Amino acid sequence: MPSLVWLGLAIAAAIGAYMVGLPAWRSYRSRETRDLNAERYLAWRGRAVRPGSGSSSREGMTGEERRNVVVGIVLAALAVVSLIAFFATS
């Protein structure tokens, strides 16, 4: 493949990784922050869940978020490999 094709593939994969993975990651982190704030508020009010009970309001990533983050990671890896191929062929 010509080196410019590798560069184009690297750029497209990087943009795809950014567009797919970052919104899912931000959604997950904002929900985690909200859950943590809710736990802190309940602890401040004296209604916190006991640490040993195993029950937490945190639920982790949803299936769609996990899938989008994995797709973003795969696209980012493809971008890195394409960039290495660009440098190797040019």
Protein backbone atom coordinates (compact mmCIF):
# COMPACT_ATOMS: atom_id res chain seq x y z
CA MET A 1 0.00 0.00 0.00
CA PRO A 2 1.23 3.48 -0.66
CA SER A 3 2.31 5.34 2.42
CA LEU A 4 -0.41 7.98 2.11
CA VAL A 5 -3.08 5.29 2.29
CA TRP A 6 -1.60 4.15 5.61
CA LEU A 7 -1.63 7.74 6.85
CA GLY A 8 -5.25 8.18 5.77
CA LEU A 9 -6.21 4.95 7.50
CA ALA A 10 -4.42 6.07 10.67
CA ILE A 11 -6.23 9.42 10.67
CA ALA A 12 -9.62 7.84 9.96
CA ALA A 13 -9.16 5.21 12.68
CA ALA A 14 -8.04 7.84 15.20
CA ILE A 15 -11.08 10.00 14.45
CA GLY A 16 -13.34 6.95 14.69
CA ALA A 17 -11.83 5.97 18.04
CA TYR A 18 -12.38 9.49 19.32
CA MET A 19 -15.97 9.65 18.06
CA VAL A 20 -16.98 6.22 19.39
CA GLY A 21 -14.97 5.71 22.57
CA LEU A 22 -14.83 9.12 24.18
CA PRO A 23 -18.59 9.76 24.55
CA ALA A 24 -19.07 6.32 26.11
CA TRP A 25 -16.19 6.89 28.52
CA ARG A 26 -17.48 10.35 29.50
CA SER A 27 -20.97 8.97 30.08
CA TYR A 28 -19.61 6.25 32.34
CA ARG A 29 -17.41 8.66 34.32
CA SER A 30 -20.19 11.23 34.79
CA ARG A 31 -22.55 8.53 36.09
CA GLU A 32 -19.85 7.28 38.47
CA THR A 33 -19.34 10.83 39.73
CA ARG A 34 -23.08 11.29 40.26
CA ASP A 35 -23.28 7.98 42.13
CA LEU A 36 -20.33 8.94 44.32
CA ASN A 37 -21.91 12.30 45.09
CA ALA A 38 -25.18 10.56 46.02
CA GLU A 39 -23.30 8.19 48.35
CA ARG A 40 -21.51 11.13 49.99
CA TYR A 41 -24.80 12.97 50.46
CA LEU A 42 -26.44 9.94 52.03
CA ALA A 43 -23.45 9.47 54.32
CA TRP A 44 -23.67 13.11 55.35
CA ARG A 45 -27.40 12.64 56.13
CA GLY A 46 -26.62 9.52 58.16
CA ARG A 47 -28.38 7.15 55.76
CA ALA A 48 -25.33 5.62 54.14
CA VAL A 49 -25.14 1.99 53.13
CA ARG A 50 -22.91 0.05 55.48
CA PRO A 51 -19.53 -0.80 53.95
CA GLY A 52 -19.83 -4.53 54.75
CA SER A 53 -23.28 -5.02 53.26
CA GLY A 54 -21.97 -5.28 49.70
CA SER A 55 -24.74 -3.10 48.33
CA SER A 56 -23.55 -0.10 46.39
CA SER A 57 -25.31 2.34 44.11
CA ARG A 58 -22.51 2.02 41.55
CA GLU A 59 -23.46 -0.18 38.66
CA GLY A 60 -20.43 0.03 36.34
CA MET A 61 -20.53 0.33 32.58
CA THR A 62 -23.61 -0.55 30.61
CA GLY A 63 -23.28 -3.08 27.81
CA GLU A 64 -23.43 -0.40 25.14
CA GLU A 65 -20.79 1.73 26.86
CA ARG A 66 -18.50 -1.26 27.27
CA ARG A 67 -18.95 -2.21 23.60
CA ASN A 68 -18.26 1.36 22.45
CA VAL A 69 -15.15 1.65 24.61
CA VAL A 70 -13.83 -1.67 23.27
CA VAL A 71 -14.51 -0.54 19.68
CA GLY A 72 -12.70 2.73 20.46
CA ILE A 73 -9.70 0.83 21.82
CA VAL A 74 -9.58 -1.41 18.75
CA LEU A 75 -9.78 1.61 16.44
CA ALA A 76 -7.04 3.36 18.41
CA ALA A 77 -4.82 0.28 18.11
CA LEU A 78 -5.52 0.19 14.37
CA ALA A 79 -4.54 3.85 14.15
CA VAL A 80 -1.24 3.18 15.92
CA VAL A 81 -0.45 0.18 13.70
CA SER A 82 -1.34 2.19 10.58
CA LEU A 83 0.87 5.05 11.72
CA ILE A 84 3.77 2.64 12.27
CA ALA A 85 3.15 1.20 8.79
CA PHE A 86 3.12 4.72 7.36
CA PHE A 87 6.52 5.47 8.86
CA ALA A 88 7.86 2.07 7.77
CA THR A 89 6.78 2.54 4.15
CA SER A 90 7.75 6.17 3.72
